[in-house]
């Protein structure tokens, strides 16, 4: 499955996360649970508000949100991947 990828420009990477999941689900961003239920949106935005400095190693943040694994890269690129049914098989 191809996952939506977005580049952060403005108003912040946290908004891009919600928009990407909403687009994938085919719903309005307002229909999703609050992002702060799984990560601090303001802290996430601050981490990615400036381009990486020369010599700094790449940064990546990964977290779960509304059934998706969300990955935000050092340059504010947001990727999402649906989480499968990871429960162990019943005996």
C-alpha atoms as a PDB file:
ATOM      1  CA  UNK A   1       0.000   0.000   0.000  1.00  0.00           C
ATOM      2  CA  UNK A   2       1.364   3.391  -0.923  1.00  0.00           C
ATOM      3  CA  UNK A   3       1.221   5.806   1.958  1.00  0.00           C
ATOM      4  CA  UNK A   4       0.718   9.549   1.665  1.00  0.00           C
ATOM      5  CA  UNK A   5       3.865  11.588   2.110  1.00  0.00           C
ATOM      6  CA  UNK A   6       3.772  15.307   2.830  1.00  0.00           C
ATOM      7  CA  UNK A   7       6.400  18.024   3.201  1.00  0.00           C
ATOM      8  CA  UNK A   8       5.993  20.375   6.156  1.00  0.00           C
ATOM      9  CA  UNK A   9       5.828  24.039   5.222  1.00  0.00           C
ATOM     10  CA  UNK A  10       3.315  25.751   7.497  1.00  0.00           C
ATOM     11  CA  UNK A  11       1.409  25.588   9.940  1.00  0.00           C
ATOM     12  CA  UNK A  12       3.422  22.687  11.334  1.00  0.00           C
ATOM     13  CA  UNK A  13       4.080  19.022  10.981  1.00  0.00           C
ATOM     14  CA  UNK A  14       1.372  18.101  13.502  1.00  0.00           C
ATOM     15  CA  UNK A  15      -1.283  19.452  11.122  1.00  0.00           C
ATOM     16  CA  UNK A  16       0.211  17.439   8.276  1.00  0.00           C
ATOM     17  CA  UNK A  17      -0.037  14.262  10.350  1.00  0.00           C
ATOM     18  CA  UNK A  18      -3.747  14.778  10.972  1.00  0.00           C
ATOM     19  CA  UNK A  19      -4.390  15.753   7.338  1.00  0.00           C
ATOM     20  CA  UNK A  20      -2.541  12.678   5.991  1.00  0.00           C
ATOM     21  CA  UNK A  21      -4.495  10.283   8.222  1.00  0.00           C
ATOM     22  CA  UNK A  22      -7.789  12.013   7.438  1.00  0.00           C
ATOM     23  CA  UNK A  23      -7.097  11.823   3.702  1.00  0.00           C
ATOM     24  CA  UNK A  24      -6.276   8.128   3.958  1.00  0.00           C
ATOM     25  CA  UNK A  25      -9.442   7.464   5.954  1.00  0.00           C
ATOM     26  CA  UNK A  26     -11.551   9.638   3.670  1.00  0.00           C
ATOM     27  CA  UNK A  27     -12.811  11.751   6.560  1.00  0.00           C
ATOM     28  CA  UNK A  28     -12.526  15.318   7.772  1.00  0.00           C
ATOM     29  CA  UNK A  29      -9.567  15.984  10.096  1.00  0.00           C
ATOM     30  CA  UNK A  30     -12.175  17.060  12.664  1.00  0.00           C
ATOM     31  CA  UNK A  31     -13.528  13.496  12.766  1.00  0.00           C
ATOM     32  CA  UNK A  32     -10.212  12.063  14.022  1.00  0.00           C
ATOM     33  CA  UNK A  33      -9.272  11.760  17.683  1.00  0.00           C
ATOM     34  CA  UNK A  34      -7.099  14.575  19.059  1.00  0.00           C
ATOM     35  CA  UNK A  35      -3.432  14.124  18.200  1.00  0.00           C
ATOM     36  CA  UNK A  36      -2.458  15.086  21.752  1.00  0.00           C
ATOM     37  CA  UNK A  37      -3.877  11.748  22.886  1.00  0.00           C
ATOM     38  CA  UNK A  38      -0.717  10.077  21.589  1.00  0.00           C
ATOM     39  CA  UNK A  39       1.919  12.827  21.231  1.00  0.00           C
ATOM     40  CA  UNK A  40       2.375  16.488  22.179  1.00  0.00           C
ATOM     41  CA  UNK A  41       1.651  18.358  18.901  1.00  0.00           C
ATOM     42  CA  UNK A  42       3.479  21.511  20.004  1.00  0.00           C
ATOM     43  CA  UNK A  43       6.620  19.564  20.891  1.00  0.00           C
ATOM     44  CA  UNK A  44       6.432  17.716  17.565  1.00  0.00           C
ATOM     45  CA  UNK A  45       6.157  21.014  15.682  1.00  0.00           C
ATOM     46  CA  UNK A  46       9.118  22.483  17.586  1.00  0.00           C
ATOM     47  CA  UNK A  47      11.286  19.465  16.777  1.00  0.00           C
ATOM     48  CA  UNK A  48      10.758  19.965  13.056  1.00  0.00           C
ATOM     49  CA  UNK A  49      10.371  23.734  12.719  1.00  0.00           C
ATOM     50  CA  UNK A  50      13.950  24.359  11.580  1.00  0.00           C
ATOM     51  CA  UNK A  51      15.861  22.610   8.818  1.00  0.00           C
ATOM     52  CA  UNK A  52      18.523  20.259  10.099  1.00  0.00           C
ATOM     53  CA  UNK A  53      21.824  21.918  10.866  1.00  0.00           C
ATOM     54  CA  UNK A  54      24.916  20.869   8.951  1.00  0.00           C
ATOM     55  CA  UNK A  55      26.625  17.986  10.668  1.00  0.00           C
ATOM     56  CA  UNK A  56      23.580  17.017  12.715  1.00  0.00           C
ATOM     57  CA  UNK A  57      22.512  13.434  12.352  1.00  0.00           C
ATOM     58  CA  UNK A  58      19.132  12.766  10.802  1.00  0.00           C
ATOM     59  CA  UNK A  59      16.209  12.716  13.201  1.00  0.00           C
ATOM     60  CA  UNK A  60      13.063  10.636  12.934  1.00  0.00           C
ATOM     61  CA  UNK A  61      10.044  10.396  15.212  1.00  0.00           C
ATOM     62  CA  UNK A  62       7.677   7.446  15.016  1.00  0.00           C
ATOM     63  CA  UNK A  63       4.410   7.008  16.902  1.00  0.00           C
ATOM     64  CA  UNK A  64       1.005   5.392  16.609  1.00  0.00           C
ATOM     65  CA  UNK A  65      -2.091   7.429  15.799  1.00  0.00           C
ATOM     66  CA  UNK A  66      -5.606   6.200  15.013  1.00  0.00           C
ATOM     67  CA  UNK A  67      -4.468   2.793  13.723  1.00  0.00           C
ATOM     68  CA  UNK A  68      -1.461   4.098  11.779  1.00  0.00           C
ATOM     69  CA  UNK A  69       2.274   4.147  12.309  1.00  0.00           C
ATOM     70  CA  UNK A  70       3.306   7.756  11.692  1.00  0.00           C
ATOM     71  CA  UNK A  71       6.906   8.595  10.845  1.00  0.00           C
ATOM     72  CA  UNK A  72       8.170  12.170  10.671  1.00  0.00           C
ATOM     73  CA  UNK A  73      11.654  12.633   9.219  1.00  0.00           C
ATOM     74  CA  UNK A  74      14.252  15.296   9.857  1.00  0.00           C
ATOM     75  CA  UNK A  75      12.987  17.439   6.992  1.00  0.00           C
ATOM     76  CA  UNK A  76       9.350  17.392   8.111  1.00  0.00           C
ATOM     77  CA  UNK A  77       8.297  14.631   5.745  1.00  0.00           C
ATOM     78  CA  UNK A  78       5.281  12.745   7.128  1.00  0.00           C
ATOM     79  CA  UNK A  79       4.647   9.108   6.150  1.00  0.00           C
ATOM     80  CA  UNK A  80       1.892   6.890   7.455  1.00  0.00           C
ATOM     81  CA  UNK A  81       1.440   3.145   7.354  1.00  0.00           C
ATOM     82  CA  UNK A  82      -1.634   1.217   8.443  1.00  0.00           C
ATOM     83  CA  UNK A  83      -1.007  -1.003  11.429  1.00  0.00           C
ATOM     84  CA  UNK A  84      -2.109  -4.554  10.797  1.00  0.00           C
ATOM     85  CA  UNK A  85      -3.844  -6.822  13.230  1.00  0.00           C
ATOM     86  CA  UNK A  86      -0.807  -7.583  15.367  1.00  0.00           C
ATOM     87  CA  UNK A  87      -2.610  -9.760  17.892  1.00  0.00           C
ATOM     88  CA  UNK A  88      -1.200 -13.255  18.331  1.00  0.00           C
ATOM     89  CA  UNK A  89      -3.284 -16.039  16.785  1.00  0.00           C
ATOM     90  CA  UNK A  90      -5.807 -17.671  19.089  1.00  0.00           C
ATOM     91  CA  UNK A  91      -5.012 -21.169  20.297  1.00  0.00           C
END
